[in-house]
Structure formats: C-alpha cells, structure tokens
N, C-alpha and C. Protein backbone atom coordinates (compact mmCIF):
# COMPACT_ATOMS: atom_id res chain seq x y z
N MET A 1 -7.55 18.60 -27.62
CA MET A 1 -8.86 18.47 -28.20
C MET A 1 -9.54 19.83 -28.35
N LYS A 2 -9.33 20.65 -27.32
CA LYS A 2 -9.96 21.96 -27.34
C LYS A 2 -9.50 22.75 -28.57
N TYR A 3 -8.23 22.61 -28.93
CA TYR A 3 -7.70 23.33 -30.09
C TYR A 3 -8.43 22.90 -31.37
N HIS A 4 -8.61 21.60 -31.56
CA HIS A 4 -9.28 21.11 -32.78
C HIS A 4 -10.71 21.65 -32.86
N THR A 5 -11.39 21.66 -31.74
CA THR A 5 -12.76 22.16 -31.72
C THR A 5 -12.78 23.66 -31.99
N TYR A 6 -11.88 24.39 -31.35
CA TYR A 6 -11.78 25.84 -31.56
C TYR A 6 -11.55 26.13 -33.05
N ARG A 7 -10.56 25.45 -33.63
CA ARG A 7 -10.22 25.68 -35.04
C ARG A 7 -11.40 25.35 -35.95
N ASP A 8 -12.08 24.23 -35.68
CA ASP A 8 -13.21 23.83 -36.50
C ASP A 8 -14.32 24.88 -36.46
N LEU A 9 -14.64 25.37 -35.28
CA LEU A 9 -15.70 26.38 -35.15
C LEU A 9 -15.31 27.68 -35.84
N LYS A 10 -14.05 28.09 -35.70
CA LYS A 10 -13.57 29.31 -36.37
C LYS A 10 -13.62 29.15 -37.89
N GLU A 11 -13.25 27.98 -38.39
CA GLU A 11 -13.29 27.74 -39.84
C GLU A 11 -14.71 27.77 -40.38
N ARG A 12 -15.68 27.53 -39.52
CA ARG A 12 -17.09 27.59 -39.91
C ARG A 12 -17.63 29.03 -39.83
N GLY A 13 -16.75 29.95 -39.47
CA GLY A 13 -17.14 31.35 -39.43
C GLY A 13 -17.82 31.78 -38.14
N LEU A 14 -17.64 31.02 -37.08
CA LEU A 14 -18.28 31.35 -35.81
C LEU A 14 -17.30 32.07 -34.88
N VAL A 15 -17.85 32.85 -33.98
CA VAL A 15 -17.03 33.53 -32.99
C VAL A 15 -16.94 32.62 -31.76
N VAL A 16 -15.71 32.36 -31.35
CA VAL A 16 -15.45 31.44 -30.25
C VAL A 16 -14.45 32.10 -29.30
N LYS A 17 -14.70 31.98 -28.01
CA LYS A 17 -13.77 32.46 -27.00
C LYS A 17 -13.51 31.33 -26.02
N SER A 18 -12.28 31.21 -25.61
CA SER A 18 -11.91 30.16 -24.68
C SER A 18 -11.92 30.70 -23.25
N ASP A 19 -12.44 29.90 -22.33
CA ASP A 19 -12.33 30.25 -20.91
C ASP A 19 -12.13 28.98 -20.10
N GLU A 20 -12.13 29.10 -18.78
CA GLU A 20 -11.82 27.96 -17.92
C GLU A 20 -12.86 26.84 -18.00
N LYS A 21 -14.08 27.15 -18.40
CA LYS A 21 -15.12 26.13 -18.50
C LYS A 21 -15.04 25.35 -19.80
N GLY A 22 -14.75 26.01 -20.87
CA GLY A 22 -14.73 25.39 -22.20
C GLY A 22 -14.64 26.47 -23.24
N LEU A 23 -15.28 26.25 -24.35
CA LEU A 23 -15.32 27.23 -25.43
C LEU A 23 -16.67 27.91 -25.44
N ARG A 24 -16.66 29.23 -25.34
CA ARG A 24 -17.91 29.98 -25.44
C ARG A 24 -18.16 30.25 -26.92
N LEU A 25 -19.34 29.83 -27.38
CA LEU A 25 -19.69 29.94 -28.78
C LEU A 25 -20.80 30.97 -28.94
N TYR A 26 -20.62 31.85 -29.92
CA TYR A 26 -21.62 32.87 -30.22
C TYR A 26 -22.22 32.56 -31.58
N ASP A 27 -23.53 32.42 -31.63
CA ASP A 27 -24.20 32.15 -32.90
C ASP A 27 -23.96 33.32 -33.86
N ARG A 28 -24.16 33.05 -35.12
CA ARG A 28 -23.98 34.10 -36.14
C ARG A 28 -24.87 35.30 -35.82
N ASN A 29 -24.34 36.47 -36.07
CA ASN A 29 -25.05 37.74 -35.85
C ASN A 29 -25.38 38.01 -34.38
N ILE A 30 -24.64 37.40 -33.46
CA ILE A 30 -24.81 37.65 -32.03
C ILE A 30 -23.56 38.38 -31.54
N SER A 31 -23.78 39.45 -30.81
CA SER A 31 -22.66 40.25 -30.29
C SER A 31 -21.92 39.49 -29.19
N THR A 32 -20.60 39.64 -29.19
CA THR A 32 -19.80 39.02 -28.13
C THR A 32 -19.92 39.77 -26.82
N LYS A 33 -20.61 40.90 -26.84
CA LYS A 33 -20.84 41.66 -25.61
C LYS A 33 -22.01 41.07 -24.81
N THR A 34 -22.76 40.17 -25.44
CA THR A 34 -23.87 39.49 -24.76
C THR A 34 -23.38 38.13 -24.26
N ALA A 35 -24.26 37.41 -23.59
CA ALA A 35 -23.92 36.07 -23.11
C ALA A 35 -23.69 35.14 -24.30
N ALA A 36 -22.82 34.16 -24.11
CA ALA A 36 -22.55 33.18 -25.16
C ALA A 36 -23.81 32.38 -25.47
N SER A 37 -23.94 31.96 -26.71
CA SER A 37 -25.08 31.13 -27.13
C SER A 37 -24.93 29.69 -26.65
N ALA A 38 -23.67 29.25 -26.49
CA ALA A 38 -23.41 27.88 -26.06
C ALA A 38 -22.06 27.79 -25.39
N ILE A 39 -21.91 26.79 -24.57
CA ILE A 39 -20.60 26.41 -24.05
C ILE A 39 -20.30 25.06 -24.66
N VAL A 40 -19.12 24.90 -25.24
CA VAL A 40 -18.77 23.67 -25.94
C VAL A 40 -17.65 22.98 -25.17
N TYR A 41 -17.88 21.71 -24.85
CA TYR A 41 -16.88 20.86 -24.20
C TYR A 41 -16.32 19.91 -25.24
N SER A 42 -15.02 19.78 -25.27
CA SER A 42 -14.35 19.00 -26.30
C SER A 42 -13.74 17.74 -25.70
N TYR A 43 -13.98 16.59 -26.37
CA TYR A 43 -13.47 15.31 -25.90
C TYR A 43 -12.92 14.51 -27.08
N ASN A 44 -11.92 13.69 -26.80
CA ASN A 44 -11.41 12.75 -27.78
C ASN A 44 -12.35 11.56 -27.85
N PHE A 45 -12.59 11.04 -29.04
CA PHE A 45 -13.57 9.96 -29.22
C PHE A 45 -13.20 8.69 -28.44
N GLN A 46 -11.94 8.52 -28.06
CA GLN A 46 -11.51 7.33 -27.34
C GLN A 46 -11.58 7.49 -25.82
N GLU A 47 -11.79 8.71 -25.35
CA GLU A 47 -11.85 8.95 -23.90
C GLU A 47 -13.08 8.28 -23.29
N LYS A 48 -12.94 7.88 -22.04
CA LYS A 48 -14.09 7.38 -21.29
C LYS A 48 -15.01 8.56 -21.03
N ILE A 49 -16.31 8.29 -21.10
CA ILE A 49 -17.25 9.40 -20.95
C ILE A 49 -17.23 9.94 -19.52
N ASP A 50 -17.44 11.22 -19.45
CA ASP A 50 -17.59 11.90 -18.16
C ASP A 50 -18.48 13.10 -18.44
N PHE A 51 -19.69 13.03 -17.93
CA PHE A 51 -20.65 14.10 -18.16
C PHE A 51 -20.64 15.14 -17.04
N SER A 52 -19.68 15.08 -16.12
CA SER A 52 -19.75 15.97 -14.95
C SER A 52 -19.77 17.44 -15.34
N LYS A 53 -18.93 17.88 -16.28
CA LYS A 53 -18.92 19.28 -16.70
C LYS A 53 -20.25 19.66 -17.36
N VAL A 54 -20.74 18.78 -18.22
CA VAL A 54 -21.99 19.05 -18.94
C VAL A 54 -23.16 19.12 -17.96
N ILE A 55 -23.22 18.19 -17.01
CA ILE A 55 -24.29 18.18 -16.02
C ILE A 55 -24.24 19.44 -15.17
N ASN A 56 -23.05 19.83 -14.74
CA ASN A 56 -22.92 21.08 -13.96
C ASN A 56 -23.42 22.27 -14.75
N GLU A 57 -23.08 22.34 -16.01
CA GLU A 57 -23.52 23.45 -16.87
C GLU A 57 -25.05 23.46 -16.99
N LEU A 58 -25.62 22.29 -17.23
CA LEU A 58 -27.07 22.21 -17.39
C LEU A 58 -27.81 22.52 -16.08
N GLU A 59 -27.26 22.09 -14.97
CA GLU A 59 -27.90 22.35 -13.69
C GLU A 59 -27.80 23.82 -13.28
N ASP A 60 -26.82 24.55 -13.85
CA ASP A 60 -26.72 26.00 -13.57
C ASP A 60 -27.92 26.75 -14.11
N GLY A 61 -28.60 26.18 -15.10
CA GLY A 61 -29.82 26.79 -15.64
C GLY A 61 -29.59 28.06 -16.44
N LEU A 62 -28.39 28.24 -16.97
CA LEU A 62 -28.12 29.44 -17.77
C LEU A 62 -28.81 29.33 -19.13
N ASP A 63 -29.06 30.48 -19.71
CA ASP A 63 -29.78 30.54 -20.98
C ASP A 63 -28.81 30.36 -22.15
N ARG A 64 -28.17 29.19 -22.20
CA ARG A 64 -27.29 28.86 -23.31
C ARG A 64 -27.26 27.34 -23.46
N ARG A 65 -26.88 26.91 -24.64
CA ARG A 65 -26.81 25.47 -24.93
C ARG A 65 -25.55 24.88 -24.32
N ALA A 66 -25.64 23.62 -23.94
CA ALA A 66 -24.45 22.85 -23.58
C ALA A 66 -24.18 21.93 -24.76
N GLN A 67 -23.03 22.10 -25.38
CA GLN A 67 -22.68 21.30 -26.54
C GLN A 67 -21.44 20.48 -26.26
N ILE A 68 -21.37 19.35 -26.92
CA ILE A 68 -20.22 18.47 -26.82
C ILE A 68 -19.62 18.35 -28.21
N GLY A 69 -18.31 18.52 -28.29
CA GLY A 69 -17.59 18.31 -29.54
C GLY A 69 -16.71 17.07 -29.38
N ILE A 70 -16.96 16.06 -30.18
CA ILE A 70 -16.16 14.84 -30.12
C ILE A 70 -15.19 14.85 -31.29
N VAL A 71 -13.89 14.75 -30.97
CA VAL A 71 -12.83 14.89 -31.97
C VAL A 71 -12.27 13.50 -32.30
N ASP A 72 -12.18 13.21 -33.61
CA ASP A 72 -11.60 11.92 -34.01
C ASP A 72 -10.09 12.04 -34.20
N ASN A 73 -9.44 10.95 -34.61
CA ASN A 73 -7.98 10.96 -34.71
C ASN A 73 -7.47 11.76 -35.91
N GLU A 74 -8.36 12.25 -36.77
CA GLU A 74 -7.96 13.13 -37.88
C GLU A 74 -8.24 14.59 -37.58
N GLY A 75 -8.77 14.88 -36.39
CA GLY A 75 -9.06 16.25 -36.02
C GLY A 75 -10.45 16.73 -36.43
N ASP A 76 -11.26 15.83 -37.02
CA ASP A 76 -12.64 16.20 -37.38
C ASP A 76 -13.50 16.19 -36.12
N VAL A 77 -14.49 17.07 -36.08
CA VAL A 77 -15.31 17.24 -34.88
C VAL A 77 -16.78 17.02 -35.22
N VAL A 78 -17.46 16.27 -34.37
CA VAL A 78 -18.91 16.07 -34.47
C VAL A 78 -19.51 16.70 -33.22
N TYR A 79 -20.63 17.42 -33.39
CA TYR A 79 -21.22 18.18 -32.28
C TYR A 79 -22.59 17.64 -31.87
N TYR A 80 -22.83 17.71 -30.57
CA TYR A 80 -24.10 17.27 -30.01
C TYR A 80 -24.58 18.30 -29.00
N ILE A 81 -25.89 18.49 -28.93
CA ILE A 81 -26.50 19.35 -27.91
C ILE A 81 -27.02 18.45 -26.81
N ALA A 82 -26.65 18.78 -25.57
CA ALA A 82 -27.07 17.98 -24.41
C ALA A 82 -28.16 18.72 -23.64
N ASN A 83 -29.11 17.95 -23.13
CA ASN A 83 -30.17 18.46 -22.26
C ASN A 83 -30.46 17.44 -21.18
N LEU A 84 -30.83 17.94 -20.01
CA LEU A 84 -31.32 17.04 -18.96
C LEU A 84 -32.81 16.87 -19.17
N ILE A 85 -33.28 15.65 -19.02
CA ILE A 85 -34.71 15.37 -19.19
C ILE A 85 -35.35 15.17 -17.82
N ASN A 86 -36.43 15.87 -17.61
CA ASN A 86 -37.29 15.64 -16.45
C ASN A 86 -38.57 15.03 -17.01
N TRP A 87 -38.80 13.78 -16.73
CA TRP A 87 -39.93 13.05 -17.30
C TRP A 87 -41.23 13.50 -16.65
N GLU A 88 -42.20 13.87 -17.48
CA GLU A 88 -43.54 14.23 -17.00
C GLU A 88 -44.33 12.95 -16.74
N ASP A 89 -45.34 13.04 -15.90
CA ASP A 89 -46.23 11.89 -15.69
C ASP A 89 -47.05 11.64 -16.94
N THR A 90 -47.28 10.39 -17.24
CA THR A 90 -48.13 9.97 -18.35
C THR A 90 -48.89 8.73 -17.87
N LYS A 91 -49.46 7.98 -18.76
CA LYS A 91 -50.11 6.74 -18.35
C LYS A 91 -49.98 5.73 -19.47
N LEU A 92 -50.08 4.47 -19.10
CA LEU A 92 -50.02 3.41 -20.10
C LEU A 92 -51.32 3.39 -20.91
N LYS A 93 -51.20 2.98 -22.15
CA LYS A 93 -52.39 2.81 -22.99
C LYS A 93 -53.20 1.64 -22.45
N ASP A 94 -54.48 1.67 -22.71
CA ASP A 94 -55.36 0.60 -22.24
C ASP A 94 -54.87 -0.75 -22.77
N GLY A 95 -54.87 -1.74 -21.87
CA GLY A 95 -54.48 -3.09 -22.26
C GLY A 95 -52.99 -3.34 -22.31
N ILE A 96 -52.18 -2.33 -22.01
CA ILE A 96 -50.71 -2.48 -22.06
C ILE A 96 -50.20 -2.67 -20.64
N LYS A 97 -49.27 -3.61 -20.47
CA LYS A 97 -48.62 -3.82 -19.18
C LYS A 97 -47.12 -3.73 -19.39
N ASN A 98 -46.43 -3.17 -18.42
CA ASN A 98 -44.98 -3.14 -18.47
C ASN A 98 -44.44 -4.43 -17.88
N SER A 99 -43.62 -5.13 -18.62
CA SER A 99 -43.00 -6.34 -18.09
C SER A 99 -41.55 -6.08 -17.71
N ASN A 100 -41.12 -4.85 -17.84
CA ASN A 100 -39.74 -4.48 -17.54
C ASN A 100 -39.54 -4.39 -16.04
N ASN A 101 -38.50 -5.03 -15.54
CA ASN A 101 -38.22 -4.94 -14.11
C ASN A 101 -36.81 -4.42 -13.82
N ASP A 102 -36.24 -3.72 -14.79
CA ASP A 102 -34.92 -3.12 -14.59
C ASP A 102 -35.05 -1.98 -13.58
N PRO A 103 -34.34 -2.06 -12.45
CA PRO A 103 -34.46 -1.00 -11.44
C PRO A 103 -34.06 0.38 -11.95
N LYS A 104 -33.21 0.44 -12.98
CA LYS A 104 -32.81 1.74 -13.54
C LYS A 104 -33.96 2.41 -14.29
N MET A 105 -34.97 1.63 -14.66
CA MET A 105 -36.10 2.17 -15.40
C MET A 105 -37.31 2.42 -14.50
N LYS A 106 -37.17 2.17 -13.20
CA LYS A 106 -38.29 2.28 -12.26
C LYS A 106 -38.95 3.66 -12.30
N GLU A 107 -38.14 4.71 -12.39
CA GLU A 107 -38.70 6.07 -12.43
C GLU A 107 -39.69 6.22 -13.59
N LEU A 108 -39.31 5.74 -14.77
CA LEU A 108 -40.19 5.88 -15.93
C LEU A 108 -41.41 4.99 -15.82
N ILE A 109 -41.23 3.80 -15.31
CA ILE A 109 -42.37 2.89 -15.13
C ILE A 109 -43.36 3.50 -14.14
N ASP A 110 -42.83 4.05 -13.04
CA ASP A 110 -43.70 4.67 -12.03
C ASP A 110 -44.45 5.88 -12.58
N LYS A 111 -43.88 6.55 -13.57
CA LYS A 111 -44.53 7.72 -14.17
C LYS A 111 -45.46 7.35 -15.31
N GLY A 112 -45.58 6.05 -15.63
CA GLY A 112 -46.55 5.61 -16.61
C GLY A 112 -46.04 5.39 -18.02
N TYR A 113 -44.74 5.34 -18.22
CA TYR A 113 -44.18 5.12 -19.55
C TYR A 113 -44.15 3.64 -19.89
N GLN A 114 -44.35 3.34 -21.15
CA GLN A 114 -44.24 1.97 -21.64
C GLN A 114 -42.79 1.74 -22.06
N ILE A 115 -42.19 0.70 -21.52
CA ILE A 115 -40.78 0.40 -21.78
C ILE A 115 -40.70 -0.92 -22.55
N ASN A 116 -40.13 -0.87 -23.76
CA ASN A 116 -39.94 -2.07 -24.58
C ASN A 116 -38.47 -2.22 -24.90
N SER A 117 -38.09 -3.39 -25.38
CA SER A 117 -36.71 -3.65 -25.77
C SER A 117 -36.29 -2.69 -26.89
N GLY A 118 -35.06 -2.24 -26.82
CA GLY A 118 -34.52 -1.36 -27.86
C GLY A 118 -33.51 -2.08 -28.75
N LEU A 119 -33.48 -3.40 -28.67
CA LEU A 119 -32.48 -4.18 -29.38
C LEU A 119 -32.43 -3.86 -30.88
N LYS A 120 -33.58 -3.73 -31.51
CA LYS A 120 -33.56 -3.48 -32.96
C LYS A 120 -32.96 -2.13 -33.33
N PHE A 121 -32.78 -1.25 -32.34
CA PHE A 121 -32.12 0.04 -32.58
C PHE A 121 -30.73 0.10 -31.94
N GLY A 122 -30.29 -1.02 -31.39
CA GLY A 122 -28.95 -1.07 -30.79
C GLY A 122 -28.86 -0.38 -29.44
N THR A 123 -29.99 -0.19 -28.77
CA THR A 123 -29.99 0.41 -27.44
C THR A 123 -30.69 -0.54 -26.48
N HIS A 124 -30.76 -0.14 -25.24
CA HIS A 124 -31.40 -1.00 -24.25
C HIS A 124 -32.93 -0.97 -24.34
N TYR A 125 -33.51 0.24 -24.47
CA TYR A 125 -34.96 0.35 -24.39
C TYR A 125 -35.53 1.36 -25.38
N ARG A 126 -36.78 1.11 -25.78
CA ARG A 126 -37.62 2.08 -26.47
C ARG A 126 -38.63 2.56 -25.43
N VAL A 127 -38.94 3.84 -25.45
CA VAL A 127 -39.86 4.39 -24.45
C VAL A 127 -41.01 5.11 -25.15
N TYR A 128 -42.24 4.76 -24.72
CA TYR A 128 -43.47 5.34 -25.26
C TYR A 128 -44.19 6.09 -24.15
N ASN A 129 -44.83 7.19 -24.50
CA ASN A 129 -45.78 7.81 -23.58
C ASN A 129 -47.18 7.50 -24.09
N TYR A 130 -48.18 8.02 -23.42
CA TYR A 130 -49.56 7.69 -23.76
C TYR A 130 -49.92 8.11 -25.18
N GLU A 131 -49.42 9.26 -25.61
CA GLU A 131 -49.79 9.83 -26.90
C GLU A 131 -49.06 9.20 -28.09
N SER A 132 -47.97 8.50 -27.86
CA SER A 132 -47.13 8.09 -28.97
C SER A 132 -47.49 6.72 -29.55
N GLU A 133 -47.52 6.69 -30.89
CA GLU A 133 -47.72 5.43 -31.61
C GLU A 133 -46.36 4.75 -31.80
N HIS A 134 -45.34 5.56 -32.06
CA HIS A 134 -43.96 5.08 -32.19
C HIS A 134 -43.16 5.64 -31.02
N ALA A 135 -42.15 4.91 -30.59
CA ALA A 135 -41.34 5.34 -29.45
C ALA A 135 -40.56 6.60 -29.80
N PRO A 136 -40.80 7.70 -29.08
CA PRO A 136 -40.03 8.92 -29.35
C PRO A 136 -38.60 8.85 -28.82
N TRP A 137 -38.37 7.98 -27.81
CA TRP A 137 -37.07 7.94 -27.14
C TRP A 137 -36.45 6.56 -27.21
N LEU A 138 -35.13 6.56 -27.34
CA LEU A 138 -34.33 5.36 -27.19
C LEU A 138 -33.44 5.58 -25.97
N ILE A 139 -33.49 4.66 -25.04
CA ILE A 139 -32.72 4.79 -23.80
C ILE A 139 -31.53 3.85 -23.85
N HIS A 140 -30.38 4.37 -23.49
CA HIS A 140 -29.20 3.53 -23.36
C HIS A 140 -28.62 3.72 -21.97
N ILE A 141 -28.46 2.62 -21.27
CA ILE A 141 -27.85 2.66 -19.93
C ILE A 141 -26.36 2.85 -20.16
N THR A 142 -25.83 3.96 -19.68
CA THR A 142 -24.46 4.34 -19.97
C THR A 142 -23.62 4.29 -18.70
N GLU A 143 -22.53 3.59 -18.78
CA GLU A 143 -21.62 3.44 -17.65
C GLU A 143 -20.37 4.27 -17.93
N GLU A 144 -19.58 4.48 -16.89
CA GLU A 144 -18.37 5.28 -17.05
C GLU A 144 -17.31 4.58 -17.90
N ASN A 145 -17.46 3.28 -18.14
CA ASN A 145 -16.46 2.58 -18.96
C ASN A 145 -16.75 2.71 -20.46
N HIS A 146 -17.87 3.34 -20.84
CA HIS A 146 -18.13 3.60 -22.26
C HIS A 146 -17.25 4.76 -22.72
N ASN A 147 -16.94 4.78 -24.00
CA ASN A 147 -16.19 5.94 -24.51
C ASN A 147 -17.10 6.76 -25.41
N TRP A 148 -16.59 7.90 -25.87
CA TRP A 148 -17.40 8.83 -26.66
C TRP A 148 -17.77 8.23 -28.02
N LEU A 149 -16.96 7.30 -28.52
CA LEU A 149 -17.30 6.64 -29.78
C LEU A 149 -18.59 5.83 -29.61
N ASP A 150 -18.74 5.16 -28.46
CA ASP A 150 -19.98 4.42 -28.19
C ASP A 150 -21.18 5.37 -28.22
N VAL A 151 -21.02 6.53 -27.62
CA VAL A 151 -22.10 7.52 -27.58
C VAL A 151 -22.41 8.01 -29.00
N ALA A 152 -21.38 8.29 -29.78
CA ALA A 152 -21.59 8.77 -31.16
C ALA A 152 -22.35 7.74 -31.99
N ARG A 153 -22.06 6.47 -31.80
CA ARG A 153 -22.78 5.42 -32.53
C ARG A 153 -24.28 5.45 -32.20
N MET A 154 -24.56 5.55 -30.91
CA MET A 154 -25.97 5.55 -30.47
C MET A 154 -26.73 6.72 -31.07
N ILE A 155 -26.12 7.88 -31.03
CA ILE A 155 -26.79 9.09 -31.52
C ILE A 155 -26.99 9.01 -33.03
N ARG A 156 -26.03 8.45 -33.73
CA ARG A 156 -26.14 8.31 -35.19
C ARG A 156 -27.34 7.44 -35.55
N VAL A 157 -27.52 6.34 -34.85
CA VAL A 157 -28.67 5.47 -35.11
C VAL A 157 -29.96 6.21 -34.76
N GLY A 158 -30.01 6.84 -33.60
CA GLY A 158 -31.21 7.56 -33.18
C GLY A 158 -31.59 8.65 -34.16
N HIS A 159 -30.61 9.39 -34.64
CA HIS A 159 -30.87 10.46 -35.61
C HIS A 159 -31.43 9.87 -36.90
N GLY A 160 -30.89 8.73 -37.32
CA GLY A 160 -31.32 8.10 -38.56
C GLY A 160 -32.75 7.59 -38.53
N VAL A 161 -33.27 7.28 -37.33
CA VAL A 161 -34.64 6.76 -37.22
C VAL A 161 -35.56 7.77 -36.54
N ASN A 162 -35.10 9.03 -36.46
CA ASN A 162 -35.92 10.13 -35.94
C ASN A 162 -36.39 9.90 -34.50
N LYS A 163 -35.44 9.49 -33.66
CA LYS A 163 -35.73 9.28 -32.24
C LYS A 163 -34.71 10.05 -31.41
N ILE A 164 -35.11 10.38 -30.21
CA ILE A 164 -34.22 11.09 -29.30
C ILE A 164 -33.46 10.06 -28.47
N ILE A 165 -32.13 10.16 -28.51
CA ILE A 165 -31.30 9.27 -27.69
C ILE A 165 -31.21 9.87 -26.29
N VAL A 166 -31.52 9.05 -25.31
CA VAL A 166 -31.41 9.47 -23.91
C VAL A 166 -30.46 8.50 -23.22
N LEU A 167 -29.45 9.07 -22.60
CA LEU A 167 -28.50 8.26 -21.86
C LEU A 167 -28.89 8.27 -20.39
N ALA A 168 -29.04 7.09 -19.82
CA ALA A 168 -29.25 6.97 -18.38
C ALA A 168 -27.85 6.89 -17.78
N TYR A 169 -27.42 7.99 -17.18
CA TYR A 169 -26.06 8.12 -16.68
C TYR A 169 -26.13 8.49 -15.21
N LYS A 170 -25.69 7.56 -14.37
CA LYS A 170 -25.79 7.72 -12.92
C LYS A 170 -27.25 7.97 -12.58
N ARG A 171 -27.59 9.09 -12.00
CA ARG A 171 -29.00 9.36 -11.68
C ARG A 171 -29.62 10.38 -12.64
N TYR A 172 -28.99 10.60 -13.78
CA TYR A 172 -29.44 11.61 -14.74
C TYR A 172 -29.96 10.96 -16.02
N TRP A 173 -30.86 11.69 -16.67
CA TRP A 173 -31.35 11.35 -18.00
C TRP A 173 -30.86 12.46 -18.92
N ILE A 174 -29.95 12.13 -19.82
CA ILE A 174 -29.32 13.15 -20.68
C ILE A 174 -29.68 12.86 -22.13
N SER A 175 -30.37 13.80 -22.76
CA SER A 175 -30.66 13.64 -24.19
C SER A 175 -29.54 14.29 -24.99
N LEU A 176 -29.18 13.66 -26.09
CA LEU A 176 -28.16 14.19 -26.97
C LEU A 176 -28.70 14.19 -28.39
N LYS A 177 -28.56 15.34 -29.04
CA LYS A 177 -28.99 15.48 -30.43
C LYS A 177 -27.81 15.98 -31.26
N TRP A 178 -27.65 15.38 -32.44
CA TRP A 178 -26.62 15.83 -33.37
C TRP A 178 -26.96 17.24 -33.82
N THR A 179 -25.94 18.06 -33.98
CA THR A 179 -26.14 19.42 -34.48
C THR A 179 -25.00 19.80 -35.40
N LYS A 180 -25.29 20.70 -36.28
CA LYS A 180 -24.27 21.26 -37.17
C LYS A 180 -24.13 22.73 -36.79
N PRO A 181 -22.95 23.11 -36.29
CA PRO A 181 -22.81 24.52 -35.85
C PRO A 181 -22.91 25.51 -36.98
C-alpha cells in the first residue's frame, strides 16, 4: 500500500520520503531540509481500521499534518487529514433538552452539546453547539471491526453536506477531512 501512495504523491509532483513511521510529505516549494509538512499513513480500503499510528502522531504534537491514504484495488488513493478534537464547553439553547442517553456521548452532553440522531446523514449523531443553527459535526461510533471503506463512505457524505465527520474511536474523537494533495 505504501508503494501506491508513494507513487501517487510523486506523480502529483510532490516530494516524498519514506521512513519507519510512514511517508514524509513536503508541500510544494518547501525544502526537504526542513521538517516534513505531513506524515502519510497508507491503508488498503478493505483493512480493519486501526488509528494507533495516527493517534500517536497527533499526540506527539509535532507541527505537521497527519494524513491517511486509503488505497483501492486499482491502486487509486484517497487522502484524509486527521485531527484529534478536544471539545470546548458550550451550553444548550434555551428550551432544548438532550434526550440522548448513549454513554459514549456523555462527554459531549456534559459539556453542553445538543445531540440529535444522524440517521438522515448515515451516521449515529448530529452535534450542535450553542452558536450553531445547523449541526457542524456528524459523529460516528467507530469500532475496530469497521474497515477503511466504511470510513471513506462516512467522510464522503459529510463532505457533500459541509459537515465535519468525527469518529468516536475508543476514547478519542478523531475528525477526518478529505484533502487533495
């Protein structure tokens, strides 16, 4: 998989270097003598998801993007930027009550977010903060038995309706956004 991602990035005219962590990607007009702009992890679309490498990279707090390249059976690659979300405190709008009792959503409920069904977007929940008229986030409870194709579907829908897809994975909140390198 790493080869397909490497080749795709090189064909796009980007500078890429391989190391033990993944592929170090340098944005256009960035010297390779400086730190990489991103680290890219490559996965086959049929593999079961495992965010451990991505989470470790994000928790290191380095000044570079963590990107995921998902490779299909024809060698085409789709890219996503991953971020960890730390939810700020907010409050419910007047007259609104949360009826959600999912223990996985307790953190957001305790911080004042409004949680509604996400069924019409193919996810578990829509999440609103005090300022939002429309839900900025779609939350999907993600288990280790999901594969990368499931994740790609969710992000495609979220991108199409201008919402941020957030995966609730173990004890982490991971946002993924489609990107074109």
